[in-house]
């Protein structure tokens, strides 16, 4: 694997759950996600979660709830956008605020980082930041491919994976 500095994993639909939001305490990892997270960590790659969670702004959960859950899964750091889509904040995907914050916090070259997610907004954020882009078909992946086909073509996604194990396998081989 060439000089990969970090992998950013989306939460809902990528490592567990489905295409909807499940709050901490209700969220379940896919059966293979823990082993794939450990596989990446054994490769000494920094592993970050980055996730839009507008329920925080509605008071349904807290940032601390999500941070505890995600660090418990093994992430080195967690980046969360708590804002509603209509607030127009720069941290909400498809903007690159969370990626830029991680870049500053961990002295990263984003061109040497990978984003794995199930939505076109994950891929758009990755493209804007110059990251390697891997879309998984789990969660909203199939819907993203169908409904955003033309946008996806323009993004030049590096790999479309069946699921997280396929994405990690491809990453380790390339």
Protein backbone atom coordinates (compact mmCIF):
# COMPACT_ATOMS: atom_id res chain seq x y z
CA UNK A 1 0.00 0.00 0.00
CA UNK A 2 1.48 3.32 -1.11
CA UNK A 3 1.96 5.97 1.56
CA UNK A 4 -1.64 6.04 2.76
CA UNK A 5 -1.67 8.38 5.74
CA UNK A 6 -5.28 7.93 6.85
CA UNK A 7 -8.60 6.35 6.03
CA UNK A 8 -11.84 8.22 6.66
CA UNK A 9 -14.87 5.99 7.13
CA UNK A 10 -18.43 7.21 6.96
CA UNK A 11 -20.69 5.75 9.66
CA UNK A 12 -24.29 5.06 8.59
CA UNK A 13 -24.46 2.53 5.76
CA UNK A 14 -20.69 2.11 5.52
CA UNK A 15 -19.64 0.43 8.78
CA UNK A 16 -23.13 -0.47 9.98
CA UNK A 17 -26.76 0.44 10.09
CA UNK A 18 -28.43 1.15 6.79
CA UNK A 19 -29.34 4.21 4.74
CA UNK A 20 -31.02 5.86 7.73
CA UNK A 21 -29.55 7.25 10.93
CA UNK A 22 -29.43 5.02 13.98
CA UNK A 23 -28.40 6.80 17.13
CA UNK A 24 -25.78 5.56 19.59
CA UNK A 25 -27.18 2.66 21.57
CA UNK A 26 -29.27 1.57 18.57
CA UNK A 27 -26.51 1.50 15.95
CA UNK A 28 -25.06 -1.89 15.06
CA UNK A 29 -21.86 -2.54 13.15
CA UNK A 30 -22.02 -4.87 10.19
CA UNK A 31 -20.66 -8.29 11.29
CA UNK A 32 -17.38 -7.71 9.42
CA UNK A 33 -16.73 -4.06 10.33
CA UNK A 34 -14.82 -4.61 13.59
CA UNK A 35 -12.35 -6.97 11.89
CA UNK A 36 -11.89 -4.55 8.97
CA UNK A 37 -11.27 -1.65 11.36
CA UNK A 38 -8.69 -3.80 13.16
CA UNK A 39 -7.12 -4.81 9.83
CA UNK A 40 -6.60 -1.15 8.92
CA UNK A 41 -5.22 -0.34 12.37
CA UNK A 42 -2.73 -3.24 12.17
CA UNK A 43 -1.44 -1.66 8.96
CA UNK A 44 -0.58 1.40 11.04
CA UNK A 45 -2.94 3.60 9.07
CA UNK A 46 -4.65 6.36 11.02
CA UNK A 47 -8.36 5.68 11.04
CA UNK A 48 -10.96 8.43 11.34
CA UNK A 49 -14.72 8.49 11.36
CA UNK A 50 -16.40 11.40 9.60
CA UNK A 51 -20.13 11.65 9.70
CA UNK A 52 -23.03 14.07 9.27
CA UNK A 53 -25.34 13.77 12.29
CA UNK A 54 -28.09 16.42 12.13
CA UNK A 55 -29.98 14.73 14.97
CA UNK A 56 -27.50 16.39 17.33
CA UNK A 57 -28.85 19.84 16.41
CA UNK A 58 -32.36 18.52 17.16
CA UNK A 59 -31.31 17.26 20.60
CA UNK A 60 -31.84 13.58 19.74
CA UNK A 61 -28.24 12.70 20.69
CA UNK A 62 -25.04 14.50 21.66
CA UNK A 63 -21.64 14.80 20.07
CA UNK A 64 -20.25 12.99 23.13
CA UNK A 65 -22.64 10.05 22.50
CA UNK A 66 -21.30 9.65 18.97
CA UNK A 67 -17.65 10.19 19.98
CA UNK A 68 -17.85 7.54 22.72
CA UNK A 69 -19.49 5.06 20.35
CA UNK A 70 -17.05 5.64 17.48
CA UNK A 71 -13.87 5.68 19.55
CA UNK A 72 -15.17 2.47 21.15
CA UNK A 73 -15.17 0.93 17.67
CA UNK A 74 -11.44 1.74 17.39
CA UNK A 75 -11.27 5.03 15.51
CA UNK A 76 -8.22 7.18 16.23
CA UNK A 77 -10.28 10.34 15.95
CA UNK A 78 -13.86 11.28 15.19
CA UNK A 79 -15.17 14.16 13.10
CA UNK A 80 -18.86 14.97 13.34
CA UNK A 81 -21.02 17.59 11.67
CA UNK A 82 -23.92 18.18 14.08
CA UNK A 83 -25.71 20.67 11.84
CA UNK A 84 -28.96 20.43 9.92
CA UNK A 85 -28.48 20.45 6.12
CA UNK A 86 -30.13 23.87 5.80
CA UNK A 87 -27.69 25.53 8.21
CA UNK A 88 -25.06 25.75 5.47
CA UNK A 89 -22.10 24.94 7.69
CA UNK A 90 -18.69 24.25 6.07
CA UNK A 91 -18.19 20.99 7.99
CA UNK A 92 -21.20 19.19 6.51
CA UNK A 93 -20.45 16.77 3.68
CA UNK A 94 -20.21 17.37 0.73
CA UNK A 95 -18.08 20.27 2.04
CA UNK A 96 -14.61 19.41 3.30
CA UNK A 97 -14.65 20.97 6.76
CA UNK A 98 -14.24 17.69 8.63
CA UNK A 99 -11.44 16.55 6.29
CA UNK A 100 -9.70 19.93 6.64
CA UNK A 101 -9.97 19.78 10.43
CA UNK A 102 -8.39 16.31 10.45
CA UNK A 103 -5.69 17.54 8.09
CA UNK A 104 -4.75 20.27 10.59
CA UNK A 105 -5.11 18.06 13.66
CA UNK A 106 -2.97 15.24 12.27
CA UNK A 107 -0.70 17.02 9.77
CA UNK A 108 -2.10 15.07 6.80
CA UNK A 109 -1.63 15.39 3.09
CA UNK A 110 -5.21 14.72 2.01
CA UNK A 111 -4.01 13.43 -1.37
CA UNK A 112 -2.55 10.50 0.59
CA UNK A 113 -5.84 9.81 2.36
CA UNK A 114 -8.79 7.59 1.49
CA UNK A 115 -12.49 8.20 1.96
CA UNK A 116 -14.79 5.17 2.12
CA UNK A 117 -18.49 5.95 2.12
CA UNK A 118 -21.89 5.01 0.75
CA UNK A 119 -23.20 8.38 -0.45
CA UNK A 120 -22.35 10.66 -3.32
CA UNK A 121 -21.79 13.42 -0.72
CA UNK A 122 -18.95 11.33 0.76
CA UNK A 123 -17.43 11.00 -2.70
CA UNK A 124 -17.89 14.70 -3.50
CA UNK A 125 -16.16 15.72 -0.27
CA UNK A 126 -13.32 13.31 -1.07
CA UNK A 127 -13.01 14.71 -4.60
CA UNK A 128 -12.93 18.32 -3.38
CA UNK A 129 -10.18 17.40 -0.89
CA UNK A 130 -8.15 15.36 -3.40
CA UNK A 131 -8.59 12.08 -1.51
CA UNK A 132 -8.82 8.56 -2.93
CA UNK A 133 -12.53 7.76 -3.31
CA UNK A 134 -14.11 4.37 -2.55
CA UNK A 135 -17.88 4.00 -2.69
CA UNK A 136 -19.45 0.99 -0.99
CA UNK A 137 -22.73 -0.43 -2.31
CA UNK A 138 -24.08 -0.99 1.22
CA UNK A 139 -26.37 1.53 2.91
CA UNK A 140 -27.27 4.20 0.35
CA UNK A 141 -24.56 3.08 -2.08
CA UNK A 142 -26.86 1.54 -4.69
CA UNK A 143 -29.24 4.51 -4.49
CA UNK A 144 -26.31 6.91 -4.83
CA UNK A 145 -25.10 5.09 -7.93
CA UNK A 146 -28.59 5.13 -9.45
CA UNK A 147 -29.75 8.62 -8.50
CA UNK A 148 -26.43 10.43 -8.87
CA UNK A 149 -24.97 8.49 -11.79
CA UNK A 150 -23.95 11.59 -13.78
CA UNK A 151 -22.40 13.31 -10.75
CA UNK A 152 -20.55 10.09 -9.85
CA UNK A 153 -19.06 9.81 -13.35
CA UNK A 154 -17.60 13.31 -13.04
CA UNK A 155 -16.00 12.46 -9.69
CA UNK A 156 -13.85 9.62 -11.10
CA UNK A 157 -14.43 7.30 -8.17
CA UNK A 158 -11.34 5.16 -7.67
CA UNK A 159 -13.23 2.01 -6.73
CA UNK A 160 -16.82 0.86 -6.25
CA UNK A 161 -16.81 -1.87 -3.59
CA UNK A 162 -19.51 -4.35 -2.66
CA UNK A 163 -18.92 -3.63 1.05
CA UNK A 164 -16.25 -2.59 3.54
CA UNK A 165 -14.22 -5.84 3.29
CA UNK A 166 -14.08 -5.44 -0.50
CA UNK A 167 -13.02 -1.79 -0.10
CA UNK A 168 -10.25 -2.65 2.38
CA UNK A 169 -9.09 -5.57 0.24
CA UNK A 170 -8.85 -3.31 -2.82
CA UNK A 171 -7.01 -0.66 -0.81
CA UNK A 172 -4.50 -3.17 0.55
CA UNK A 173 -3.85 -4.56 -2.95
CA UNK A 174 -3.39 -1.14 -4.55
